[in-house]
């Protein structure tokens, strides 16, 4: 999906991983668990393995993994690591109900 393509999703995120490294596996599990907390949320999740697509990683300025990029809604936000801090993850994704 290109950035110019409109989506019906409430949220569009990209998770950059390095194959099945422990931190990448943990990040994906933590992200899915956090997104799963919101049954009403329609989201698009792209998973990009930078070892298989190094050109994409360079183009997107991703040099460390795992890295999550919130693409939509804007502004773009990035968070690095295993995403175990669910409160921080919800804040970055704009899912924290305390923040309007």
PDB file of N, CA and C in Angstrom:
ATOM      1  N   UNK A   1       0.844  -1.175   0.000  1.00  0.00           N
ATOM      2  CA  UNK A   1       0.000   0.000   0.000  1.00  0.00           C
ATOM      3  C   UNK A   1       0.884   1.232   0.000  1.00  0.00           C
ATOM      4  N   UNK A   2       0.646   2.147  -0.870  1.00  0.00           N
ATOM      5  CA  UNK A   2       1.452   3.360  -0.928  1.00  0.00           C
ATOM      6  C   UNK A   2       0.910   4.387   0.050  1.00  0.00           C
ATOM      7  N   UNK A   3       1.782   5.343   0.402  1.00  0.00           N
ATOM      8  CA  UNK A   3       1.377   6.366   1.357  1.00  0.00           C
ATOM      9  C   UNK A   3       0.247   7.234   0.805  1.00  0.00           C
ATOM     10  N   UNK A   4       0.136   7.305  -0.521  1.00  0.00           N
ATOM     11  CA  UNK A   4      -0.905   8.134  -1.108  1.00  0.00           C
ATOM     12  C   UNK A   4      -2.251   7.412  -1.165  1.00  0.00           C
ATOM     13  N   UNK A   5      -2.264   6.120  -0.886  1.00  0.00           N
ATOM     14  CA  UNK A   5      -3.494   5.350  -0.916  1.00  0.00           C
ATOM     15  C   UNK A   5      -4.297   5.608   0.346  1.00  0.00           C
ATOM     16  N   UNK A   6      -5.570   5.928   0.162  1.00  0.00           N
ATOM     17  CA  UNK A   6      -6.430   6.145   1.325  1.00  0.00           C
ATOM     18  C   UNK A   6      -6.899   4.791   1.826  1.00  0.00           C
ATOM     19  N   UNK A   7      -7.036   4.692   3.138  1.00  0.00           N
ATOM     20  CA  UNK A   7      -7.463   3.455   3.751  1.00  0.00           C
ATOM     21  C   UNK A   7      -8.646   3.719   4.660  1.00  0.00           C
ATOM     22  N   UNK A   8      -9.479   2.714   4.839  1.00  0.00           N
ATOM     23  CA  UNK A   8     -10.620   2.840   5.739  1.00  0.00           C
ATOM     24  C   UNK A   8     -10.206   2.576   7.176  1.00  0.00           C
ATOM     25  N   UNK A   9      -8.976   2.182   7.369  1.00  0.00           N
ATOM     26  CA  UNK A   9      -8.498   1.850   8.706  1.00  0.00           C
ATOM     27  C   UNK A   9      -8.348   3.108   9.563  1.00  0.00           C
ATOM     28  N   UNK A  10      -8.563   2.910  10.867  1.00  0.00           N
ATOM     29  CA  UNK A  10      -8.363   3.987  11.834  1.00  0.00           C
ATOM     30  C   UNK A  10      -6.882   4.227  12.088  1.00  0.00           C
ATOM     31  N   UNK A  11      -6.084   3.179  11.852  1.00  0.00           N
ATOM     32  CA  UNK A  11      -4.670   3.212  12.207  1.00  0.00           C
ATOM     33  C   UNK A  11      -3.878   2.402  11.186  1.00  0.00           C
ATOM     34  N   UNK A  12      -2.759   2.958  10.749  1.00  0.00           N
ATOM     35  CA  UNK A  12      -1.855   2.233   9.850  1.00  0.00           C
ATOM     36  C   UNK A  12      -0.466   2.279  10.471  1.00  0.00           C
ATOM     37  N   UNK A  13       0.102   1.097  10.719  1.00  0.00           N
ATOM     38  CA  UNK A  13       1.423   1.005  11.334  1.00  0.00           C
ATOM     39  C   UNK A  13       2.312   0.065  10.534  1.00  0.00           C
ATOM     40  N   UNK A  14       3.623   0.322  10.628  1.00  0.00           N
ATOM     41  CA  UNK A  14       4.635  -0.544  10.020  1.00  0.00           C
ATOM     42  C   UNK A  14       5.582  -1.002  11.113  1.00  0.00           C
ATOM     43  N   UNK A  15       5.816  -2.298  11.157  1.00  0.00           N
ATOM     44  CA  UNK A  15       6.772  -2.848  12.097  1.00  0.00           C
ATOM     45  C   UNK A  15       7.952  -3.381  11.303  1.00  0.00           C
ATOM     46  N   UNK A  16       9.108  -2.787  11.555  1.00  0.00           N
ATOM     47  CA  UNK A  16      10.339  -3.230  10.909  1.00  0.00           C
ATOM     48  C   UNK A  16      11.014  -4.220  11.842  1.00  0.00           C
ATOM     49  N   UNK A  17      11.315  -5.402  11.320  1.00  0.00           N
ATOM     50  CA  UNK A  17      11.911  -6.470  12.125  1.00  0.00           C
ATOM     51  C   UNK A  17      13.177  -6.980  11.437  1.00  0.00           C
ATOM     52  N   UNK A  18      13.961  -7.748  12.195  1.00  0.00           N
ATOM     53  CA  UNK A  18      15.133  -8.434  11.654  1.00  0.00           C
ATOM     54  C   UNK A  18      14.886  -9.922  11.794  1.00  0.00           C
ATOM     55  N   UNK A  19      14.227 -10.470  10.765  1.00  0.00           N
ATOM     56  CA  UNK A  19      13.917 -11.892  10.740  1.00  0.00           C
ATOM     57  C   UNK A  19      13.107 -12.270  11.972  1.00  0.00           C
ATOM     58  N   UNK A  20      13.476 -13.360  12.628  1.00  0.00           N
ATOM     59  CA  UNK A  20      12.740 -13.772  13.821  1.00  0.00           C
ATOM     60  C   UNK A  20      13.603 -13.627  15.075  1.00  0.00           C
ATOM     61  N   UNK A  21      14.320 -12.501  15.152  1.00  0.00           N
ATOM     62  CA  UNK A  21      15.130 -12.222  16.337  1.00  0.00           C
ATOM     63  C   UNK A  21      14.210 -12.126  17.557  1.00  0.00           C
ATOM     64  N   UNK A  22      14.717 -12.432  18.744  1.00  0.00           N
ATOM     65  CA  UNK A  22      13.865 -12.409  19.951  1.00  0.00           C
ATOM     66  C   UNK A  22      13.146 -11.079  20.167  1.00  0.00           C
ATOM     67  N   UNK A  23      13.829  -9.963  19.975  1.00  0.00           N
ATOM     68  CA  UNK A  23      13.177  -8.662  20.174  1.00  0.00           C
ATOM     69  C   UNK A  23      12.108  -8.401  19.118  1.00  0.00           C
ATOM     70  N   UNK A  24      12.350  -8.853  17.894  1.00  0.00           N
ATOM     71  CA  UNK A  24      11.351  -8.675  16.836  1.00  0.00           C
ATOM     72  C   UNK A  24      10.104  -9.501  17.116  1.00  0.00           C
ATOM     73  N   UNK A  25      10.293 -10.732  17.549  1.00  0.00           N
ATOM     74  CA  UNK A  25       9.157 -11.598  17.896  1.00  0.00           C
ATOM     75  C   UNK A  25       8.381 -10.997  19.060  1.00  0.00           C
ATOM     76  N   UNK A  26       9.090 -10.508  20.061  1.00  0.00           N
ATOM     77  CA  UNK A  26       8.434  -9.884  21.223  1.00  0.00           C
ATOM     78  C   UNK A  26       7.671  -8.627  20.809  1.00  0.00           C
ATOM     79  N   UNK A  27       8.269  -7.817  19.949  1.00  0.00           N
ATOM     80  CA  UNK A  27       7.611  -6.584  19.506  1.00  0.00           C
ATOM     81  C   UNK A  27       6.305  -6.895  18.780  1.00  0.00           C
ATOM     82  N   UNK A  28       6.329  -7.883  17.904  1.00  0.00           N
ATOM     83  CA  UNK A  28       5.118  -8.248  17.180  1.00  0.00           C
ATOM     84  C   UNK A  28       4.046  -8.764  18.130  1.00  0.00           C
ATOM     85  N   UNK A  29       4.429  -9.605  19.075  1.00  0.00           N
ATOM     86  CA  UNK A  29       3.461 -10.129  20.044  1.00  0.00           C
ATOM     87  C   UNK A  29       2.882  -9.005  20.899  1.00  0.00           C
ATOM     88  N   UNK A  30       3.727  -8.094  21.365  1.00  0.00           N
ATOM     89  CA  UNK A  30       3.251  -6.976  22.188  1.00  0.00           C
ATOM     90  C   UNK A  30       2.357  -6.039  21.399  1.00  0.00           C
ATOM     91  N   UNK A  31       2.705  -5.800  20.146  1.00  0.00           N
ATOM     92  CA  UNK A  31       1.880  -4.936  19.299  1.00  0.00           C
ATOM     93  C   UNK A  31       0.514  -5.569  19.063  1.00  0.00           C
ATOM     94  N   UNK A  32       0.509  -6.840  18.696  1.00  0.00           N
ATOM     95  CA  UNK A  32      -0.774  -7.521  18.447  1.00  0.00           C
ATOM     96  C   UNK A  32      -1.637  -7.552  19.711  1.00  0.00           C
ATOM     97  N   UNK A  33      -1.034  -7.777  20.864  1.00  0.00           N
ATOM     98  CA  UNK A  33      -1.791  -7.796  22.120  1.00  0.00           C
ATOM     99  C   UNK A  33      -2.389  -6.420  22.411  1.00  0.00           C
ATOM    100  N   UNK A  34      -1.611  -5.380  22.194  1.00  0.00           N
ATOM    101  CA  UNK A  34      -2.095  -4.022  22.457  1.00  0.00           C
ATOM    102  C   UNK A  34      -3.211  -3.647  21.489  1.00  0.00           C
ATOM    103  N   UNK A  35      -3.032  -3.953  20.217  1.00  0.00           N
ATOM    104  CA  UNK A  35      -4.079  -3.656  19.236  1.00  0.00           C
ATOM    105  C   UNK A  35      -5.327  -4.496  19.504  1.00  0.00           C
ATOM    106  N   UNK A  36      -5.135  -5.704  19.995  1.00  0.00           N
ATOM    107  CA  UNK A  36      -6.248  -6.587  20.302  1.00  0.00           C
ATOM    108  C   UNK A  36      -7.092  -6.130  21.473  1.00  0.00           C
ATOM    109  N   UNK A  37      -6.573  -5.227  22.272  1.00  0.00           N
ATOM    110  CA  UNK A  37      -7.334  -4.682  23.398  1.00  0.00           C
ATOM    111  C   UNK A  37      -8.510  -3.822  22.928  1.00  0.00           C
ATOM    112  N   UNK A  38      -8.437  -3.376  21.691  1.00  0.00           N
ATOM    113  CA  UNK A  38      -9.468  -2.484  21.146  1.00  0.00           C
ATOM    114  C   UNK A  38     -10.241  -3.200  20.039  1.00  0.00           C
ATOM    115  N   UNK A  39     -11.342  -3.845  20.408  1.00  0.00           N
ATOM    116  CA  UNK A  39     -12.146  -4.594  19.443  1.00  0.00           C
ATOM    117  C   UNK A  39     -12.755  -3.682  18.375  1.00  0.00           C
ATOM    118  N   UNK A  40     -12.920  -2.407  18.705  1.00  0.00           N
ATOM    119  CA  UNK A  40     -13.538  -1.464  17.780  1.00  0.00           C
ATOM    120  C   UNK A  40     -12.543  -0.868  16.783  1.00  0.00           C
ATOM    121  N   UNK A  41     -11.274  -1.190  16.910  1.00  0.00           N
ATOM    122  CA  UNK A  41     -10.224  -0.567  16.112  1.00  0.00           C
ATOM    123  C   UNK A  41     -10.010  -1.321  14.805  1.00  0.00           C
ATOM    124  N   UNK A  42     -10.069  -0.604  13.712  1.00  0.00           N
ATOM    125  CA  UNK A  42      -9.748  -1.156  12.403  1.00  0.00           C
ATOM    126  C   UNK A  42      -8.334  -0.673  12.071  1.00  0.00           C
ATOM    127  N   UNK A  43      -7.407  -1.618  11.852  1.00  0.00           N
ATOM    128  CA  UNK A  43      -6.025  -1.209  11.631  1.00  0.00           C
ATOM    129  C   UNK A  43      -5.383  -1.994  10.493  1.00  0.00           C
ATOM    130  N   UNK A  44      -4.382  -1.366   9.886  1.00  0.00           N
ATOM    131  CA  UNK A  44      -3.530  -1.998   8.885  1.00  0.00           C
ATOM    132  C   UNK A  44      -2.158  -2.148   9.508  1.00  0.00           C
ATOM    133  N   UNK A  45      -1.604  -3.348   9.423  1.00  0.00           N
ATOM    134  CA  UNK A  45      -0.282  -3.627   9.958  1.00  0.00           C
ATOM    135  C   UNK A  45       0.591  -4.171   8.842  1.00  0.00           C
ATOM    136  N   UNK A  46       1.672  -3.472   8.557  1.00  0.00           N
ATOM    137  CA  UNK A  46       2.686  -3.956   7.626  1.00  0.00           C
ATOM    138  C   UNK A  46       3.871  -4.446   8.437  1.00  0.00           C
ATOM    139  N   UNK A  47       4.387  -5.605   8.094  1.00  0.00           N
ATOM    140  CA  UNK A  47       5.587  -6.113   8.739  1.00  0.00           C
ATOM    141  C   UNK A  47       6.668  -6.183   7.669  1.00  0.00           C
ATOM    142  N   UNK A  48       7.767  -5.484   7.908  1.00  0.00           N
ATOM    143  CA  UNK A  48       8.844  -5.401   6.927  1.00  0.00           C
ATOM    144  C   UNK A  48      10.109  -5.964   7.541  1.00  0.00           C
ATOM    145  N   UNK A  49      10.597  -7.046   6.968  1.00  0.00           N
ATOM    146  CA  UNK A  49      11.837  -7.670   7.423  1.00  0.00           C
ATOM    147  C   UNK A  49      12.988  -6.974   6.702  1.00  0.00           C
ATOM    148  N   UNK A  50      13.793  -6.237   7.458  1.00  0.00           N
ATOM    149  CA  UNK A  50      14.855  -5.456   6.817  1.00  0.00           C
ATOM    150  C   UNK A  50      15.978  -6.337   6.275  1.00  0.00           C
ATOM    151  N   UNK A  51      16.052  -7.584   6.715  1.00  0.00           N
ATOM    152  CA  UNK A  51      17.063  -8.486   6.157  1.00  0.00           C
ATOM    153  C   UNK A  51      16.645  -8.968   4.767  1.00  0.00           C
ATOM    154  N   UNK A  52      15.356  -9.054   4.525  1.00  0.00           N
ATOM    155  CA  UNK A  52      14.853  -9.428   3.211  1.00  0.00           C
ATOM    156  C   UNK A  52      14.674  -8.217   2.301  1.00  0.00           C
ATOM    157  N   UNK A  53      14.468  -7.053   2.890  1.00  0.00           N
ATOM    158  CA  UNK A  53      14.210  -5.828   2.119  1.00  0.00           C
ATOM    159  C   UNK A  53      15.089  -4.683   2.616  1.00  0.00           C
ATOM    160  N   UNK A  54      16.412  -4.810   2.514  1.00  0.00           N
ATOM    161  CA  UNK A  54      17.301  -3.755   3.027  1.00  0.00           C
ATOM    162  C   UNK A  54      17.124  -2.430   2.297  1.00  0.00           C
ATOM    163  N   UNK A  55      16.742  -2.472   1.026  1.00  0.00           N
ATOM    164  CA  UNK A  55      16.510  -1.238   0.276  1.00  0.00           C
ATOM    165  C   UNK A  55      15.336  -0.459   0.854  1.00  0.00           C
ATOM    166  N   UNK A  56      14.309  -1.161   1.279  1.00  0.00           N
ATOM    167  CA  UNK A  56      13.148  -0.508   1.897  1.00  0.00           C
ATOM    168  C   UNK A  56      13.546   0.134   3.221  1.00  0.00           C
ATOM    169  N   UNK A  57      14.344  -0.579   4.002  1.00  0.00           N
ATOM    170  CA  UNK A  57      14.803  -0.042   5.289  1.00  0.00           C
ATOM    171  C   UNK A  57      15.613   1.235   5.079  1.00  0.00           C
ATOM    172  N   UNK A  58      16.507   1.220   4.117  1.00  0.00           N
ATOM    173  CA  UNK A  58      17.302   2.413   3.834  1.00  0.00           C
ATOM    174  C   UNK A  58      16.421   3.564   3.365  1.00  0.00           C
ATOM    175  N   UNK A  59      15.490   3.258   2.476  1.00  0.00           N
ATOM    176  CA  UNK A  59      14.589   4.293   1.956  1.00  0.00           C
ATOM    177  C   UNK A  59      13.755   4.909   3.072  1.00  0.00           C
ATOM    178  N   UNK A  60      13.355   4.074   4.053  1.00  0.00           N
ATOM    179  CA  UNK A  60      12.521   4.551   5.153  1.00  0.00           C
ATOM    180  C   UNK A  60      13.331   5.016   6.364  1.00  0.00           C
ATOM    181  N   UNK A  61      14.663   5.080   6.203  1.00  0.00           N
ATOM    182  CA  UNK A  61      15.567   5.544   7.268  1.00  0.00           C
ATOM    183  C   UNK A  61      15.461   4.711   8.540  1.00  0.00           C
ATOM    184  N   UNK A  62      15.387   3.401   8.366  1.00  0.00           N
ATOM    185  CA  UNK A  62      15.329   2.482   9.494  1.00  0.00           C
ATOM    186  C   UNK A  62      16.664   1.756   9.562  1.00  0.00           C
ATOM    187  N   UNK A  63      17.382   1.951  10.649  1.00  0.00           N
ATOM    188  CA  UNK A  63      18.681   1.302  10.817  1.00  0.00           C
ATOM    189  C   UNK A  63      18.716   0.367  12.010  1.00  0.00           C
ATOM    190  N   UNK A  64      17.736   0.466  12.894  1.00  0.00           N
ATOM    191  CA  UNK A  64      17.647  -0.397  14.073  1.00  0.00           C
ATOM    192  C   UNK A  64      16.287  -1.071  14.098  1.00  0.00           C
ATOM    193  N   UNK A  65      16.252  -2.278  14.639  1.00  0.00           N
ATOM    194  CA  UNK A  65      14.987  -2.994  14.769  1.00  0.00           C
ATOM    195  C   UNK A  65      14.900  -3.599  16.153  1.00  0.00           C
ATOM    196  N   UNK A  66      13.717  -3.931  16.580  1.00  0.00           N
ATOM    197  CA  UNK A  66      12.445  -3.648  15.930  1.00  0.00           C
ATOM    198  C   UNK A  66      12.073  -2.175  16.080  1.00  0.00           C
ATOM    199  N   UNK A  67      11.482  -1.651  15.025  1.00  0.00           N
ATOM    200  CA  UNK A  67      11.008  -0.273  15.038  1.00  0.00           C
ATOM    201  C   UNK A  67       9.573  -0.248  14.528  1.00  0.00           C
ATOM    202  N   UNK A  68       8.714   0.406  15.293  1.00  0.00           N
ATOM    203  CA  UNK A  68       7.330   0.586  14.892  1.00  0.00           C
ATOM    204  C   UNK A  68       7.143   2.015  14.423  1.00  0.00           C
ATOM    205  N   UNK A  69       6.506   2.171  13.276  1.00  0.00           N
ATOM    206  CA  UNK A  69       6.203   3.493  12.736  1.00  0.00           C
ATOM    207  C   UNK A  69       4.695   3.614  12.604  1.00  0.00           C
ATOM    208  N   UNK A  70       4.131   4.603  13.282  1.00  0.00           N
ATOM    209  CA  UNK A  70       2.709   4.921  13.104  1.00  0.00           C
ATOM    210  C   UNK A  70       2.634   5.848  11.896  1.00  0.00           C
ATOM    211  N   UNK A  71       2.042   5.351  10.829  1.00  0.00           N
ATOM    212  CA  UNK A  71       1.958   6.109   9.584  1.00  0.00           C
ATOM    213  C   UNK A  71       0.706   6.981   9.561  1.00  0.00           C
ATOM    214  N   UNK A  72      -0.417   6.399   9.983  1.00  0.00           N
ATOM    215  CA  UNK A  72      -1.710   7.090   9.944  1.00  0.00           C
ATOM    216  C   UNK A  72      -2.440   6.846  11.234  1.00  0.00           C
ATOM    217  N   UNK A  73      -3.058   7.765  11.826  1.00  0.00           N
ATOM    218  CA  UNK A  73      -3.144   9.162  11.416  1.00  0.00           C
ATOM    219  C   UNK A  73      -1.841   9.906  11.702  1.00  0.00           C
ATOM    220  N   UNK A  74      -1.661  10.974  10.976  1.00  0.00           N
ATOM    221  CA  UNK A  74      -0.471  11.786  11.161  1.00  0.00           C
ATOM    222  C   UNK A  74      -0.569  12.501  12.502  1.00  0.00           C
ATOM    223  N   UNK A  75       0.500  12.927  13.097  1.00  0.00           N
ATOM    224  CA  UNK A  75       1.866  12.891  12.594  1.00  0.00           C
ATOM    225  C   UNK A  75       2.475  11.497  12.760  1.00  0.00           C
ATOM    226  N   UNK A  76       3.464  11.227  11.904  1.00  0.00           N
ATOM    227  CA  UNK A  76       4.186   9.974  12.014  1.00  0.00           C
ATOM    228  C   UNK A  76       4.906   9.927  13.354  1.00  0.00           C
ATOM    229  N   UNK A  77       4.872   8.766  13.980  1.00  0.00           N
ATOM    230  CA  UNK A  77       5.578   8.567  15.243  1.00  0.00           C
ATOM    231  C   UNK A  77       6.355   7.270  15.147  1.00  0.00           C
ATOM    232  N   UNK A  78       7.519   7.198  15.801  1.00  0.00           N
ATOM    233  CA  UNK A  78       8.366   6.010  15.794  1.00  0.00           C
ATOM    234  C   UNK A  78       8.696   5.599  17.209  1.00  0.00           C
ATOM    235  N   UNK A  79       8.758   4.295  17.407  1.00  0.00           N
ATOM    236  CA  UNK A  79       9.140   3.748  18.705  1.00  0.00           C
ATOM    237  C   UNK A  79      10.015   2.525  18.444  1.00  0.00           C
ATOM    238  N   UNK A  80      11.057   2.420  19.218  1.00  0.00           N
ATOM    239  CA  UNK A  80      12.066   1.383  19.017  1.00  0.00           C
ATOM    240  C   UNK A  80      12.055   0.415  20.194  1.00  0.00           C
ATOM    241  N   UNK A  81      12.230  -0.866  19.915  1.00  0.00           N
ATOM    242  CA  UNK A  81      12.368  -1.860  20.971  1.00  0.00           C
ATOM    243  C   UNK A  81      11.283  -2.916  20.926  1.00  0.00           C
ATOM    244  N   UNK A  82      11.209  -3.683  21.996  1.00  0.00           N
ATOM    245  CA  UNK A  82      10.290  -4.825  22.054  1.00  0.00           C
ATOM    246  C   UNK A  82       8.831  -4.435  22.318  1.00  0.00           C
ATOM    247  N   UNK A  83       8.568  -3.158  22.539  1.00  0.00           N
ATOM    248  CA  UNK A  83       7.216  -2.625  22.747  1.00  0.00           C
ATOM    249  C   UNK A  83       6.553  -3.197  24.002  1.00  0.00           C
ATOM    250  N   UNK A  84       7.357  -3.557  24.988  1.00  0.00           N
ATOM    251  CA  UNK A  84       6.797  -4.146  26.204  1.00  0.00           C
ATOM    252  C   UNK A  84       6.107  -3.126  27.093  1.00  0.00           C
ATOM    253  N   UNK A  85       6.429  -1.851  26.946  1.00  0.00           N
ATOM    254  CA  UNK A  85       5.765  -0.805  27.717  1.00  0.00           C
ATOM    255  C   UNK A  85       4.453  -0.461  27.006  1.00  0.00           C
ATOM    256  N   UNK A  86       3.397  -1.132  27.411  1.00  0.00           N
ATOM    257  CA  UNK A  86       2.108  -0.995  26.724  1.00  0.00           C
ATOM    258  C   UNK A  86       1.533   0.415  26.845  1.00  0.00           C
ATOM    259  N   UNK A  87       1.758   1.055  27.977  1.00  0.00           N
ATOM    260  CA  UNK A  87       1.267   2.411  28.161  1.00  0.00           C
ATOM    261  C   UNK A  87       1.921   3.353  27.147  1.00  0.00           C
ATOM    262  N   UNK A  88       3.232   3.241  26.988  1.00  0.00           N
ATOM    263  CA  UNK A  88       3.949   4.065  26.014  1.00  0.00           C
ATOM    264  C   UNK A  88       3.472   3.747  24.601  1.00  0.00           C
ATOM    265  N   UNK A  89       3.286   2.467  24.315  1.00  0.00           N
ATOM    266  CA  UNK A  89       2.831   2.057  22.989  1.00  0.00           C
ATOM    267  C   UNK A  89       1.457   2.639  22.682  1.00  0.00           C
ATOM    268  N   UNK A  90       0.532   2.552  23.630  1.00  0.00           N
ATOM    269  CA  UNK A  90      -0.803   3.129  23.412  1.00  0.00           C
ATOM    270  C   UNK A  90      -0.717   4.632  23.178  1.00  0.00           C
ATOM    271  N   UNK A  91       0.169   5.311  23.898  1.00  0.00           N
ATOM    272  CA  UNK A  91       0.343   6.753  23.720  1.00  0.00           C
ATOM    273  C   UNK A  91       0.869   7.065  22.327  1.00  0.00           C
ATOM    274  N   UNK A  92       1.891   6.356  21.892  1.00  0.00           N
ATOM    275  CA  UNK A  92       2.486   6.582  20.570  1.00  0.00           C
ATOM    276  C   UNK A  92       1.454   6.316  19.473  1.00  0.00           C
ATOM    277  N   UNK A  93       0.633   5.312  19.668  1.00  0.00           N
ATOM    278  CA  UNK A  93      -0.376   4.962  18.655  1.00  0.00           C
ATOM    279  C   UNK A  93      -1.627   5.838  18.730  1.00  0.00           C
ATOM    280  N   UNK A  94      -1.699   6.675  19.757  1.00  0.00           N
ATOM    281  CA  UNK A  94      -2.869   7.530  19.914  1.00  0.00           C
ATOM    282  C   UNK A  94      -4.069   6.784  20.456  1.00  0.00           C
ATOM    283  N   UNK A  95      -3.829   5.680  21.180  1.00  0.00           N
ATOM    284  CA  UNK A  95      -4.914   4.865  21.717  1.00  0.00           C
ATOM    285  C   UNK A  95      -5.139   5.097  23.199  1.00  0.00           C
ATOM    286  N   UNK A  96      -4.394   5.994  23.791  1.00  0.00           N
ATOM    287  CA  UNK A  96      -4.538   6.281  25.215  1.00  0.00           C
ATOM    288  C   UNK A  96      -5.773   7.153  25.405  1.00  0.00           C
ATOM    289  N   UNK A  97      -6.803   6.645  26.088  1.00  0.00           N
ATOM    290  CA  UNK A  97      -8.058   7.405  26.221  1.00  0.00           C
ATOM    291  C   UNK A  97      -7.900   8.701  27.005  1.00  0.00           C
ATOM    292  N   UNK A  98      -6.815   8.834  27.772  1.00  0.00           N
ATOM    293  CA  UNK A  98      -6.620  10.043  28.560  1.00  0.00           C
ATOM    294  C   UNK A  98      -6.116  11.199  27.705  1.00  0.00           C
ATOM    295  N   UNK A  99      -5.669  10.888  26.481  1.00  0.00           N
ATOM    296  CA  UNK A  99      -5.126  11.920  25.597  1.00  0.00           C
ATOM    297  C   UNK A  99      -6.103  12.145  24.457  1.00  0.00           C
ATOM    298  N   UNK A 100      -6.523  13.356  24.249  1.00  0.00           N
ATOM    299  CA  UNK A 100      -7.480  13.664  23.186  1.00  0.00           C
ATOM    300  C   UNK A 100      -6.769  14.171  21.972  1.00  0.00           C
TER     301      UNK A 100
END
